[in-house]
Protein backbone atom coordinates (compact mmCIF):
# COMPACT_ATOMS: atom_id res chain seq x y z
CA MET A 1 100.79 84.58 91.29
CA THR A 2 98.87 85.77 88.23
CA VAL A 3 96.41 88.65 88.06
CA THR A 4 92.85 87.37 88.43
CA HIS A 5 89.59 89.25 88.18
CA HIS A 6 87.51 88.34 91.19
CA PRO A 7 83.73 88.76 91.37
CA ARG A 8 82.35 91.25 93.89
CA TYR A 9 79.17 89.76 95.27
CA LEU A 10 77.90 93.16 96.41
CA GLN A 11 77.47 94.36 92.83
CA GLN A 12 73.73 93.58 92.74
CA GLN A 13 73.18 95.67 95.87
CA VAL A 14 74.92 98.59 94.13
CA LEU A 15 72.76 98.20 91.02
CA ASP A 16 69.60 97.96 93.11
CA ALA A 17 70.51 101.15 94.96
CA LEU A 18 71.27 102.99 91.72
CA SER A 19 67.81 102.11 90.41
CA ASP A 20 65.92 104.01 93.10
CA THR A 21 68.28 106.25 95.14
CA PRO A 22 69.80 109.59 94.02
CA VAL A 23 73.12 109.12 95.86
CA VAL A 24 74.89 105.77 96.29
CA CYS A 25 77.96 105.82 98.50
CA ILE A 26 80.46 102.95 98.39
CA LEU A 27 82.71 103.04 101.45
CA GLY A 28 85.66 100.85 102.37
CA PRO A 29 89.44 100.76 102.77
CA ARG A 30 91.72 102.10 100.08
CA GLN A 31 92.68 99.64 97.34
CA VAL A 32 89.81 97.17 97.82
CA GLY A 33 88.22 97.93 94.45
CA LYS A 34 85.51 100.54 95.13
CA THR A 35 86.27 102.58 92.01
CA THR A 36 86.80 99.46 89.90
CA LEU A 37 83.39 98.14 90.93
CA ALA A 38 81.61 101.43 90.22
CA ARG A 39 83.25 101.88 86.81
CA GLN A 40 82.71 98.26 85.74
CA LEU A 41 79.00 98.40 86.56
CA GLN A 42 78.45 101.60 84.57
CA PRO A 43 81.42 102.26 82.25
CA GLU A 44 79.63 105.18 80.59
CA ARG A 45 79.39 107.16 83.84
CA SER A 46 81.66 110.21 84.14
CA TYR A 47 84.49 109.95 86.67
CA VAL A 48 86.08 112.56 88.96
CA SER A 49 88.87 111.73 91.42
CA PHE A 50 89.71 114.00 94.33
CA ASP A 51 93.19 112.54 94.39
CA ASP A 52 93.64 115.08 91.58
CA ALA A 53 94.90 118.21 93.37
CA THR A 54 93.39 120.61 90.83
CA LEU A 55 89.91 119.11 91.08
CA LEU A 56 90.21 118.90 94.86
CA ALA A 57 91.06 122.61 95.10
CA ALA A 58 88.19 123.56 92.78
CA ALA A 59 85.66 121.55 94.79
CA ARG A 60 86.83 123.04 98.07
CA TYR A 61 86.81 126.59 96.71
CA ASP A 62 83.24 126.54 95.32
CA PRO A 63 81.36 123.33 96.23
CA ILE A 64 77.99 124.50 94.89
CA GLY A 65 79.44 125.68 91.58
CA PHE A 66 81.50 122.49 91.26
CA VAL A 67 78.45 120.25 91.71
CA ALA A 68 76.39 122.40 89.34
CA GLY A 69 78.99 121.83 86.61
CA LEU A 70 79.04 118.04 86.93
CA PRO A 71 77.53 115.68 84.32
CA GLN A 72 74.11 114.17 85.00
CA GLN A 73 75.60 110.89 86.22
CA VAL A 74 79.02 110.92 87.85
CA ILE A 75 81.37 108.98 90.13
CA LEU A 76 83.06 111.17 92.75
CA ASP A 77 86.08 109.23 93.99
CA GLU A 78 87.66 109.69 97.47
CA VAL A 79 84.95 112.14 98.49
CA GLN A 80 86.12 112.12 102.14
CA ARG A 81 88.81 114.55 100.98
CA VAL A 82 86.18 117.25 100.38
CA PRO A 83 83.34 116.75 102.91
CA GLU A 84 82.00 120.27 102.23
CA LEU A 85 80.79 118.90 98.89
CA LEU A 86 78.08 116.84 100.60
CA SER A 87 75.91 119.87 101.42
CA ALA A 88 76.13 120.96 97.79
CA ILE A 89 75.11 117.45 96.67
CA LYS A 90 72.11 117.65 99.01
CA LEU A 91 70.97 120.91 97.42
CA SER A 92 71.38 119.46 93.95
CA VAL A 93 69.44 116.30 94.83
CA ASP A 94 66.64 118.31 96.42
CA ASN A 95 66.18 120.04 93.06
CA ASP A 96 66.47 116.82 91.04
CA ARG A 97 65.78 113.52 92.78
CA ARG A 98 66.32 111.21 89.83
CA PRO A 99 67.86 107.92 90.97
CA GLY A 100 71.49 107.09 90.31
CA ARG A 101 72.76 110.65 89.86
CA PHE A 102 75.80 110.42 92.14
CA VAL A 103 78.08 107.53 93.02
CA LEU A 104 80.40 108.52 95.85
CA THR A 105 83.36 106.44 96.98
CA GLY A 106 85.26 107.01 100.17
CA SER A 107 88.20 105.47 102.00
CA ALA A 108 87.03 106.93 105.31
CA ASN A 109 83.65 106.42 106.95
CA LEU A 110 81.68 109.52 105.96
CA LEU A 111 78.88 108.57 108.33
CA LEU A 112 81.12 109.40 111.27
CA LEU A 113 81.51 112.99 110.06
CA PRO A 114 79.26 115.46 111.94
CA GLY A 115 75.98 116.15 110.16
CA VAL A 116 76.45 113.86 107.17
CA GLN A 117 73.70 111.39 108.07
CA GLU A 118 71.24 114.20 108.66
CA SER A 119 72.08 116.16 105.51
CA LEU A 120 71.70 113.18 103.16
CA ALA A 121 69.05 111.23 105.05
CA GLY A 122 66.55 109.73 102.60
CA ARG A 123 68.74 110.70 99.66
CA MET A 124 71.71 108.33 100.01
CA GLU A 125 72.26 104.59 100.40
CA VAL A 126 75.58 103.48 101.86
CA ILE A 127 77.18 100.19 100.79
CA TYR A 128 80.33 98.93 102.50
CA LEU A 129 82.86 97.17 100.29
CA ASN A 130 85.28 95.06 102.28
CA PRO A 131 88.54 93.51 101.13
CA LEU A 132 87.91 90.39 99.06
CA SER A 133 86.40 87.54 101.02
CA GLU A 134 87.88 84.10 100.56
CA GLN A 135 84.57 83.10 98.98
CA GLU A 136 85.10 85.76 96.29
CA LYS A 137 88.77 84.84 95.85
CA GLN A 138 87.78 81.22 95.28
CA HIS A 139 84.81 82.23 93.04
CA SER A 140 82.59 80.06 95.23
CA GLN A 141 78.81 80.30 95.33
CA HIS A 142 78.65 78.69 98.77
CA SER A 143 77.96 80.99 101.72
CA LEU A 144 78.56 79.52 105.15
CA ILE A 145 76.62 82.25 106.92
CA GLU A 146 73.62 81.57 104.69
CA SER A 147 73.85 77.85 105.51
CA LEU A 148 74.02 78.67 109.21
CA LEU A 149 71.06 81.05 109.16
CA SER A 150 68.90 78.70 107.09
CA GLY A 151 69.68 75.63 109.23
CA GLN A 152 71.29 73.67 106.38
CA ILE A 153 74.37 72.42 108.25
CA ARG A 154 74.32 68.66 108.83
CA PRO A 155 76.89 66.10 110.07
CA ALA A 156 79.30 64.82 107.40
CA ILE A 157 82.21 62.50 108.07
CA SER A 158 85.36 62.85 105.97
CA GLY A 159 87.85 60.06 105.44
CA LEU A 160 90.74 62.54 105.33
CA GLN A 161 93.13 62.44 108.28
CA SER A 162 95.13 65.62 107.64
CA PRO A 163 93.84 69.11 108.53
CA VAL A 164 92.11 71.17 105.88
CA SER A 165 94.50 72.99 103.57
CA GLY A 166 94.73 76.62 102.54
CA VAL A 167 93.83 78.25 105.85
CA ALA A 168 97.27 79.66 106.64
CA GLU A 169 97.59 81.06 103.12
CA ALA A 170 94.13 82.64 103.28
CA VAL A 171 94.94 84.35 106.58
CA VAL A 172 98.41 85.59 105.56
CA TRP A 173 97.42 87.01 102.17
CA GLY A 174 94.15 88.56 103.33
CA GLY A 175 91.69 90.22 100.99
CA TYR A 176 93.37 93.21 99.33
CA PRO A 177 93.49 92.41 95.60
CA GLU A 178 97.04 93.60 94.88
CA PRO A 179 98.95 91.50 97.48
CA ASN A 180 97.10 88.43 96.20
CA THR A 181 98.97 88.81 92.90
CA ARG A 182 102.36 88.72 94.64
CA THR A 183 104.68 86.32 96.40
CA GLU A 184 104.56 86.39 100.19
CA PRO A 185 107.65 88.63 100.68
CA ARG A 186 106.45 91.05 97.99
CA ALA A 187 102.97 91.10 99.53
CA ARG A 188 104.48 92.22 102.86
CA GLN A 189 106.35 94.98 101.04
CA TRP A 190 103.07 96.13 99.47
CA PHE A 191 101.45 96.33 102.91
CA ARG A 192 104.31 98.47 104.21
CA GLN A 193 103.95 100.91 101.32
CA TYR A 194 100.17 100.91 101.72
CA LEU A 195 100.36 101.89 105.37
CA ASN A 196 102.89 104.63 104.68
CA ALA A 197 100.60 106.13 102.05
CA ILE A 198 97.61 106.08 104.38
CA ILE A 199 99.53 107.68 107.25
CA GLN A 200 100.95 110.40 105.00
CA ARG A 201 97.74 111.23 103.13
CA ASP A 202 94.43 109.82 104.36
CA VAL A 203 95.02 110.39 108.06
CA GLN A 204 95.62 114.07 107.42
CA ASP A 205 92.32 114.33 105.54
CA ILE A 206 90.24 113.26 108.52
CA ALA A 207 92.26 114.17 111.63
CA ASN A 208 94.88 116.61 112.82
CA ILE A 209 97.56 114.12 113.84
CA ARG A 210 101.11 115.39 113.93
CA ASP A 211 102.94 112.13 114.59
CA GLY A 212 101.94 109.39 112.17
CA ASP A 213 104.54 107.07 113.69
CA GLU A 214 102.52 106.98 116.92
CA LEU A 215 99.43 105.90 115.03
CA LEU A 216 101.39 103.23 113.17
CA ARG A 217 102.88 101.95 116.44
CA LEU A 218 99.41 101.64 117.94
CA LEU A 219 98.15 99.77 114.87
CA GLN A 220 101.05 97.34 115.12
CA LEU A 221 100.25 96.70 118.78
CA ILE A 222 96.60 96.07 117.88
CA ALA A 223 97.73 93.55 115.25
CA LEU A 224 99.63 91.67 117.93
CA ARG A 225 96.53 91.68 120.17
CA THR A 226 93.79 91.34 117.59
CA GLY A 227 90.76 89.43 118.81
CA SER A 228 91.25 90.57 122.42
CA LEU A 229 89.18 92.82 124.67
CA ILE A 230 89.98 96.51 124.37
CA ASN A 231 92.02 97.72 127.32
CA ILE A 232 92.78 101.42 126.91
CA SER A 233 94.99 101.51 130.01
CA ASN A 234 97.23 98.71 128.75
CA LEU A 235 97.47 100.25 125.29
CA ALA A 236 98.41 103.60 126.83
CA GLN A 237 101.02 102.00 129.07
CA ASP A 238 102.60 99.98 126.25
CA THR A 239 102.70 102.86 123.75
CA GLY A 240 103.50 105.68 126.18
CA LEU A 241 100.49 107.65 124.91
CA GLN A 242 97.77 109.33 126.94
CA ARG A 243 94.42 107.55 127.33
CA ASP A 244 92.54 110.27 125.45
CA THR A 245 95.10 110.08 122.63
CA ILE A 246 94.59 106.31 122.40
CA GLY A 247 90.84 106.85 122.16
CA ARG A 248 91.25 109.44 119.41
CA TYR A 249 93.66 107.23 117.46
CA LEU A 250 91.34 104.23 117.69
CA SER A 251 88.56 106.37 116.24
CA VAL A 252 90.81 107.41 113.33
CA LEU A 253 91.83 103.81 112.59
CA GLU A 254 88.20 102.70 112.64
CA ARG A 255 87.14 105.53 110.33
CA LEU A 256 89.82 104.39 107.88
CA PHE A 257 88.45 100.81 107.99
CA LEU A 258 91.72 99.42 109.35
CA ILE A 259 90.26 98.12 112.61
CA ARG A 260 86.79 97.26 113.87
CA THR A 261 85.42 97.12 117.38
CA LEU A 262 83.00 94.30 118.12
CA PRO A 263 80.59 95.14 120.94
CA ALA A 264 79.75 92.74 123.73
CA TRP A 265 76.45 90.88 123.50
CA HIS A 266 74.15 91.38 126.43
CA ARG A 267 70.59 90.96 127.55
CA ASN A 268 69.11 92.86 130.46
CA ALA A 269 68.37 89.52 132.10
CA ALA A 270 71.85 88.14 131.44
CA LYS A 271 74.03 88.55 134.51
CA ARG A 272 77.78 88.26 135.01
CA LEU A 273 78.59 89.40 131.48
CA ILE A 274 81.71 91.35 130.56
CA LYS A 275 80.70 94.38 128.50
CA ALA A 276 84.07 95.39 127.02
CA PRO A 277 84.23 95.36 123.20
CA LYS A 278 86.78 93.34 121.27
CA ILE A 279 89.17 94.87 118.77
CA HIS A 280 89.98 93.30 115.41
CA ILE A 281 92.27 94.09 112.52
CA VAL A 282 89.89 94.23 109.54
CA ASP A 283 92.21 92.49 107.07
CA SER A 284 94.27 89.56 108.31
CA GLY A 285 96.87 90.03 105.55
CA LEU A 286 97.60 93.53 106.78
CA GLY A 287 97.57 92.23 110.35
CA CYS A 288 100.07 89.47 109.53
CA ALA A 289 102.39 91.98 107.86
CA LEU A 290 102.25 94.19 110.97
CA ALA A 291 102.76 91.24 113.34
CA ASN A 292 105.44 89.66 111.11
CA LEU A 293 103.49 86.41 110.79
CA LYS A 294 104.26 84.17 107.81
CA THR A 295 102.70 80.97 106.52
CA ALA A 296 105.78 79.12 107.81
CA ASP A 297 104.79 80.22 111.33
CA TRP A 298 101.39 78.50 111.18
CA HIS A 299 102.57 75.45 113.14
CA ARG A 300 104.47 77.37 115.80
CA PRO A 301 103.60 75.96 119.25
CA ASP A 302 102.87 79.38 120.81
CA ASN A 303 99.56 79.76 118.91
CA ALA A 304 100.74 83.03 117.42
CA PHE A 305 97.95 82.82 114.84
CA GLY A 306 95.13 82.41 117.38
CA GLY A 307 93.90 86.01 117.44
CA MET A 308 94.62 86.58 113.75
CA LEU A 309 92.60 83.52 112.76
CA GLU A 310 89.70 84.82 114.84
CA SER A 311 89.86 88.21 113.13
CA PHE A 312 90.04 86.48 109.74
CA VAL A 313 86.87 84.46 110.38
CA VAL A 314 84.99 87.46 111.79
CA GLN A 315 85.86 89.39 108.64
CA GLN A 316 84.80 86.52 106.33
CA LEU A 317 81.38 86.19 107.95
CA ILE A 318 80.76 89.94 108.02
CA CYS A 319 81.67 90.04 104.31
CA GLN A 320 79.26 87.22 103.55
CA ALA A 321 76.52 88.98 105.50
CA GLY A 322 76.88 91.93 103.13
CA TRP A 323 75.22 90.02 100.31
CA VAL A 324 73.03 87.72 102.42
CA ASP A 325 71.41 90.12 104.90
CA ASN A 326 72.92 93.51 105.65
CA GLU A 327 70.66 93.91 108.70
CA LEU A 328 72.52 91.26 110.68
CA ARG A 329 74.08 92.46 113.92
CA PHE A 330 77.44 91.19 115.21
CA SER A 331 78.90 91.08 118.71
CA HIS A 332 80.89 88.78 120.98
CA TYR A 333 80.05 87.00 124.24
CA ARG A 334 82.13 86.68 127.37
CA ASP A 335 81.19 86.23 131.00
CA LYS A 336 83.03 86.37 134.28
CA ASP A 337 83.53 82.61 134.24
CA GLN A 338 85.78 83.22 131.19
CA LEU A 339 83.33 81.43 128.91
CA GLU A 340 83.20 83.16 125.55
CA VAL A 341 81.89 82.97 122.00
CA ASP A 342 83.94 84.74 119.37
CA LEU A 343 81.04 85.96 117.25
CA VAL A 344 77.36 86.38 118.03
CA ILE A 345 75.03 86.92 115.06
CA GLU A 346 71.55 88.39 115.55
CA GLN A 347 68.62 88.83 113.21
CA ASP A 348 65.50 90.30 114.80
CA ASP A 349 64.93 88.07 117.85
CA ARG A 350 67.01 85.15 116.57
CA LEU A 351 70.60 84.44 117.56
CA TRP A 352 73.49 82.23 116.45
CA GLY A 353 77.00 81.73 117.85
CA VAL A 354 80.36 81.10 116.17
CA GLU A 355 83.48 79.80 117.94
CA ILE A 356 86.87 79.64 116.23
CA LYS A 357 89.64 77.12 116.94
CA LYS A 358 92.95 76.57 115.15
CA ALA A 359 93.08 72.92 116.25
CA ALA A 360 92.21 70.04 113.91
CA SER A 361 90.30 68.13 116.59
CA VAL A 362 87.39 68.95 118.87
CA GLN A 363 87.24 68.31 122.60
CA GLY A 364 84.22 68.39 124.87
CA LYS A 365 85.26 71.61 126.57
CA ASP A 366 85.41 73.47 123.25
CA GLY A 367 81.63 73.89 123.16
CA ARG A 368 81.23 75.32 126.66
CA GLY A 369 80.97 78.91 125.45
CA LEU A 370 78.31 78.05 122.89
CA ALA A 371 76.40 76.07 125.53
CA ARG A 372 76.42 79.04 127.91
CA LEU A 373 75.34 81.43 125.15
CA ALA A 374 72.49 79.09 124.16
CA GLU A 375 71.39 79.05 127.81
CA GLN A 376 71.49 82.85 128.06
CA ALA A 377 69.75 83.36 124.72
CA GLY A 378 66.85 81.09 125.60
CA HIS A 379 64.14 80.96 122.93
CA SER A 380 66.24 83.20 120.67
CA TRP A 381 68.92 80.52 120.20
CA GLN A 382 68.90 79.12 116.65
CA GLY A 383 72.20 77.25 116.54
CA GLY A 384 75.95 77.61 116.35
CA ILE A 385 79.15 76.42 114.77
CA LEU A 386 82.65 75.76 116.02
CA LEU A 387 85.00 76.36 113.10
CA TYR A 388 88.14 74.22 113.31
CA THR A 389 90.77 72.85 110.92
CA GLY A 390 89.52 69.26 110.93
CA THR A 391 87.73 67.79 107.92
CA SER A 392 84.43 66.42 109.32
CA THR A 393 81.23 68.23 110.28
CA LEU A 394 80.31 66.88 113.70
CA PRO A 395 77.42 67.56 116.09
CA LEU A 396 78.37 69.24 119.37
CA SER A 397 76.81 67.25 122.19
CA LEU A 398 74.20 68.84 124.45
CA ILE A 399 73.98 72.06 122.38
CA PRO A 400 70.90 72.37 120.14
CA ASN A 401 71.67 72.76 116.43
CA ALA A 402 75.41 73.19 116.99
CA PHE A 403 78.19 71.64 114.89
CA ALA A 404 81.96 71.57 114.56
CA VAL A 405 82.56 72.70 110.97
CA PRO A 406 85.76 72.58 108.87
CA MET A 407 87.32 76.01 108.44
CA ASP A 408 87.42 75.75 104.65
CA GLN A 409 83.62 75.73 104.50
CA LEU A 410 84.01 79.50 104.65
CA TRP A 411 84.73 79.18 100.93
CA THR A 412 83.91 75.61 99.80
CA ALA A 413 80.62 73.83 99.45
CA ILE A 414 79.20 71.78 102.30
CA PRO A 415 79.90 68.06 101.70
CA ASN A 416 77.10 65.55 101.49
CA SER A 417 75.50 64.84 104.84
CA LEU A 418 75.44 61.48 106.53
CA SER A 419 72.60 59.34 105.27
């Protein structure tokens, strides 16, 4: 694979924030391009990295003096390594509220640190930069989530008989830029080195964890169970760790943007719902490396890719929401009849559902979860999609505004509708 510069569709949100907000904070996993984005948008801006031990020590020793000595416009990279700097930034901003003074980047979620939201409230805008979406990797202007929200999906019959191509490759390589320049075996090697670096360095910045191997073992188990309901008891039993340790480790992994928990959708009037959240590996490429899944395994009969494909799609749609509407809320639906919808999307009082299937054909039973969700949502229901690996966009019977949609429409344009 050759090195390719991929567009980051969040760049306009960063520029907009810089135009009217004193502190702009770009958060996301390591190696997704936060610093590259910030420096490309404003190459003239001064740059300070707290991966530099000398600068890190100076900032920790005298945060107020360090901030006072900074240039007027500066990027502070990996700021989670020196959280005491945030109070000094607040004091500086209170004395000079010009927009765009500070760009902070962080590989851990600063908003989960005690007091950060309060200290910088009204002074800072946070923008989350995810690994590359497949839409960005393909340089596509088509956004499936925008088509869903605007009601633009229509039936379209394809003459192709084979399943859509490229899905296995998209899932296995994931969205980190560097692995996407490598062959598959070399990409897996990169992921191994990446995890080792995070365990040895970033984990110690945000938590006092003595045994990084335990954390890595838990992450590997989550990769094998991605897309499933969180069961702390089972995780504790299978890892040999205490329940409170599991809870603490999950919090660390989420703060490092390696996993996400997806809450259960509920309405007060909706009965018989299961309220447990789901757990997802954020990047499917990292998840595949942990679970030892390769593109050659895509057609295995045991559906080994089922959960990973679900996590991949959830990640793609959350990425797309970042530049379509960052106020969208995401959850999942499951009731005690075992009917479920993998992703529920909400905007104000409107609701959509997304189901995910690896199969290349659609059966009547596949829409039962969406039908139940539409019933529970009532007037809020706007429509839904069942993403599958077939090639035609088909209406789902008896469900208003619901369609089976080819998986590759996550990154390709919608074909012409039926006349």
